Amino acid sequence: MNLSVLLSGNGQAQGGGQSMVFLIVVYGLIIGAFWFFAIRPQKKKQKEQDAMISAVEVGDSILTTSGFYGVVIDISDDIVIVEFGSNKNCRIPMKKEAIVEVEKAK
């Protein structure tokens, strides 16, 4: 083949361009599927977790990431003081991020 055929886009060079476009489309679909099935649900769950933590009030019963149940007795910026057990002497400060579940006080 001569150089003018390759530069004009005719011949074998055109088939290579089509396969490159197809490859880009396939990679785009793979990335889109990964975002839809992995990243999007994780961000949605994180937003729900943040909303739950911001709604914690004094007197709410909580479950921590370590599996302990307790009652919130004080809240500051990012720390909550939780009372564990029935003897009312076990009060532990912990980060709000350690809260997994919240049951509102009645």
C-alpha atoms as a PDB file:
ATOM      1  CA  MET A   1       0.000   0.000   0.000  1.00  0.00           C
ATOM      2  CA  ASN A   2       1.163   3.442  -0.627  1.00  0.00           C
ATOM      3  CA  LEU A   3       1.155   6.336   1.786  1.00  0.00           C
ATOM      4  CA  SER A   4      -1.739   8.241   0.177  1.00  0.00           C
ATOM      5  CA  VAL A   5      -4.159   5.339   0.782  1.00  0.00           C
ATOM      6  CA  LEU A   6      -3.228   5.164   4.465  1.00  0.00           C
ATOM      7  CA  LEU A   7      -3.530   8.930   4.956  1.00  0.00           C
ATOM      8  CA  SER A   8      -6.917   9.134   3.225  1.00  0.00           C
ATOM      9  CA  GLY A   9      -8.426   6.677   5.699  1.00  0.00           C
ATOM     10  CA  ASN A  10      -9.169   3.958   3.189  1.00  0.00           C
ATOM     11  CA  GLY A  11      -7.977   0.416   3.503  1.00  0.00           C
ATOM     12  CA  GLN A  12      -6.811  -1.327   6.659  1.00  0.00           C
ATOM     13  CA  ALA A  13      -6.325   1.787   8.754  1.00  0.00           C
ATOM     14  CA  GLN A  14     -10.077   2.341   8.925  1.00  0.00           C
ATOM     15  CA  GLY A  15     -10.695  -1.103  10.469  1.00  0.00           C
ATOM     16  CA  GLY A  16      -8.206  -0.303  13.223  1.00  0.00           C
ATOM     17  CA  GLY A  17     -10.100   2.884  14.071  1.00  0.00           C
ATOM     18  CA  GLN A  18     -13.379   1.029  14.370  1.00  0.00           C
ATOM     19  CA  SER A  19     -11.888  -1.532  16.716  1.00  0.00           C
ATOM     20  CA  MET A  20     -10.467   1.287  18.865  1.00  0.00           C
ATOM     21  CA  VAL A  21     -13.915   2.896  19.158  1.00  0.00           C
ATOM     22  CA  PHE A  22     -15.427  -0.478  20.043  1.00  0.00           C
ATOM     23  CA  LEU A  23     -12.759  -0.989  22.709  1.00  0.00           C
ATOM     24  CA  ILE A  24     -13.461   2.436  24.236  1.00  0.00           C
ATOM     25  CA  VAL A  25     -17.204   1.713  24.296  1.00  0.00           C
ATOM     26  CA  VAL A  26     -16.635  -1.649  25.998  1.00  0.00           C
ATOM     27  CA  TYR A  27     -14.365  -0.069  28.632  1.00  0.00           C
ATOM     28  CA  GLY A  28     -16.968   2.650  29.180  1.00  0.00           C
ATOM     29  CA  LEU A  29     -19.669   0.038  29.728  1.00  0.00           C
ATOM     30  CA  ILE A  30     -17.477  -1.884  32.183  1.00  0.00           C
ATOM     31  CA  ILE A  31     -16.693   1.267  34.172  1.00  0.00           C
ATOM     32  CA  GLY A  32     -20.380   2.275  34.121  1.00  0.00           C
ATOM     33  CA  ALA A  33     -21.463  -1.133  35.390  1.00  0.00           C
ATOM     34  CA  PHE A  34     -18.815  -1.044  38.135  1.00  0.00           C
ATOM     35  CA  TRP A  35     -20.034   2.385  39.241  1.00  0.00           C
ATOM     36  CA  PHE A  36     -23.682   1.307  39.163  1.00  0.00           C
ATOM     37  CA  PHE A  37     -23.191  -1.931  41.115  1.00  0.00           C
ATOM     38  CA  ALA A  38     -20.330  -1.033  43.494  1.00  0.00           C
ATOM     39  CA  ILE A  39     -19.764   2.673  44.053  1.00  0.00           C
ATOM     40  CA  ARG A  40     -23.345   3.995  43.908  1.00  0.00           C
ATOM     41  CA  PRO A  41     -24.802   1.644  46.575  1.00  0.00           C
ATOM     42  CA  GLN A  42     -21.834   2.280  48.854  1.00  0.00           C
ATOM     43  CA  LYS A  43     -22.333   6.050  48.673  1.00  0.00           C
ATOM     44  CA  LYS A  44     -26.063   5.626  49.308  1.00  0.00           C
ATOM     45  CA  LYS A  45     -25.370   3.499  52.390  1.00  0.00           C
ATOM     46  CA  GLN A  46     -22.838   6.072  53.641  1.00  0.00           C
ATOM     47  CA  LYS A  47     -25.422   8.862  53.310  1.00  0.00           C
ATOM     48  CA  GLU A  48     -27.948   6.804  55.294  1.00  0.00           C
ATOM     49  CA  GLN A  49     -25.301   6.127  57.980  1.00  0.00           C
ATOM     50  CA  ASP A  50     -24.444   9.841  58.211  1.00  0.00           C
ATOM     51  CA  ALA A  51     -28.124  10.773  58.518  1.00  0.00           C
ATOM     52  CA  MET A  52     -28.633   8.194  61.263  1.00  0.00           C
ATOM     53  CA  ILE A  53     -25.606   9.415  63.227  1.00  0.00           C
ATOM     54  CA  SER A  54     -26.639  13.058  62.940  1.00  0.00           C
ATOM     55  CA  ALA A  55     -30.086  12.167  64.321  1.00  0.00           C
ATOM     56  CA  VAL A  56     -28.712  10.586  67.529  1.00  0.00           C
ATOM     57  CA  GLU A  57     -30.045  12.274  70.664  1.00  0.00           C
ATOM     58  CA  VAL A  58     -29.495  11.886  74.392  1.00  0.00           C
ATOM     59  CA  GLY A  59     -31.457   8.905  75.705  1.00  0.00           C
ATOM     60  CA  ASP A  60     -31.337   6.880  72.474  1.00  0.00           C
ATOM     61  CA  SER A  61     -30.335   3.228  72.681  1.00  0.00           C
ATOM     62  CA  ILE A  62     -27.498   2.357  70.311  1.00  0.00           C
ATOM     63  CA  LEU A  63     -25.548  -0.625  69.038  1.00  0.00           C
ATOM     64  CA  THR A  64     -21.820  -0.126  68.510  1.00  0.00           C
ATOM     65  CA  THR A  65     -19.557  -1.688  65.916  1.00  0.00           C
ATOM     66  CA  SER A  66     -18.105  -3.917  68.621  1.00  0.00           C
ATOM     67  CA  GLY A  67     -21.552  -5.321  69.451  1.00  0.00           C
ATOM     68  CA  PHE A  68     -22.262  -3.469  72.700  1.00  0.00           C
ATOM     69  CA  TYR A  69     -25.687  -2.016  73.452  1.00  0.00           C
ATOM     70  CA  GLY A  70     -25.820   1.217  75.408  1.00  0.00           C
ATOM     71  CA  VAL A  71     -27.666   4.453  76.045  1.00  0.00           C
ATOM     72  CA  VAL A  72     -26.369   7.858  74.930  1.00  0.00           C
ATOM     73  CA  ILE A  73     -26.002  10.207  77.901  1.00  0.00           C
ATOM     74  CA  ASP A  74     -24.037  13.077  76.307  1.00  0.00           C
ATOM     75  CA  ILE A  75     -23.156  14.269  72.785  1.00  0.00           C
ATOM     76  CA  SER A  76     -20.401  16.607  71.596  1.00  0.00           C
ATOM     77  CA  ASP A  77     -19.101  17.340  68.078  1.00  0.00           C
ATOM     78  CA  ASP A  78     -17.858  13.884  67.108  1.00  0.00           C
ATOM     79  CA  ILE A  79     -17.864  12.113  70.486  1.00  0.00           C
ATOM     80  CA  VAL A  80     -20.765  10.512  72.349  1.00  0.00           C
ATOM     81  CA  ILE A  81     -20.681   9.273  75.923  1.00  0.00           C
ATOM     82  CA  VAL A  82     -22.461   5.957  76.173  1.00  0.00           C
ATOM     83  CA  GLU A  83     -23.606   4.210  79.321  1.00  0.00           C
ATOM     84  CA  PHE A  84     -23.282   0.422  79.158  1.00  0.00           C
ATOM     85  CA  GLY A  85     -24.766  -2.174  81.462  1.00  0.00           C
ATOM     86  CA  SER A  86     -27.355  -1.979  84.179  1.00  0.00           C
ATOM     87  CA  ASN A  87     -25.150  -0.682  86.987  1.00  0.00           C
ATOM     88  CA  LYS A  88     -24.982   2.850  85.461  1.00  0.00           C
ATOM     89  CA  ASN A  89     -21.274   3.147  86.296  1.00  0.00           C
ATOM     90  CA  CYS A  90     -19.817   2.170  82.951  1.00  0.00           C
ATOM     91  CA  ARG A  91     -19.665   5.347  80.848  1.00  0.00           C
ATOM     92  CA  ILE A  92     -17.392   5.336  77.846  1.00  0.00           C
ATOM     93  CA  PRO A  93     -16.683   8.134  75.366  1.00  0.00           C
ATOM     94  CA  MET A  94     -16.608   6.922  71.776  1.00  0.00           C
ATOM     95  CA  LYS A  95     -16.659   8.306  68.250  1.00  0.00           C
ATOM     96  CA  LYS A  96     -20.013   8.709  66.539  1.00  0.00           C
ATOM     97  CA  GLU A  97     -18.752   6.612  63.611  1.00  0.00           C
ATOM     98  CA  ALA A  98     -18.796   3.556  65.907  1.00  0.00           C
ATOM     99  CA  ILE A  99     -22.599   3.624  66.037  1.00  0.00           C
ATOM    100  CA  VAL A 100     -24.261   0.989  63.863  1.00  0.00           C
ATOM    101  CA  GLU A 101     -27.924   1.125  64.920  1.00  0.00           C
ATOM    102  CA  VAL A 102     -30.071   3.652  66.771  1.00  0.00           C
ATOM    103  CA  GLU A 103     -33.328   2.995  68.581  1.00  0.00           C
ATOM    104  CA  LYS A 104     -35.063   6.215  69.518  1.00  0.00           C
ATOM    105  CA  ALA A 105     -36.071   6.821  73.124  1.00  0.00           C
ATOM    106  CA  LYS A 106     -39.816   6.592  73.696  1.00  0.00           C
END
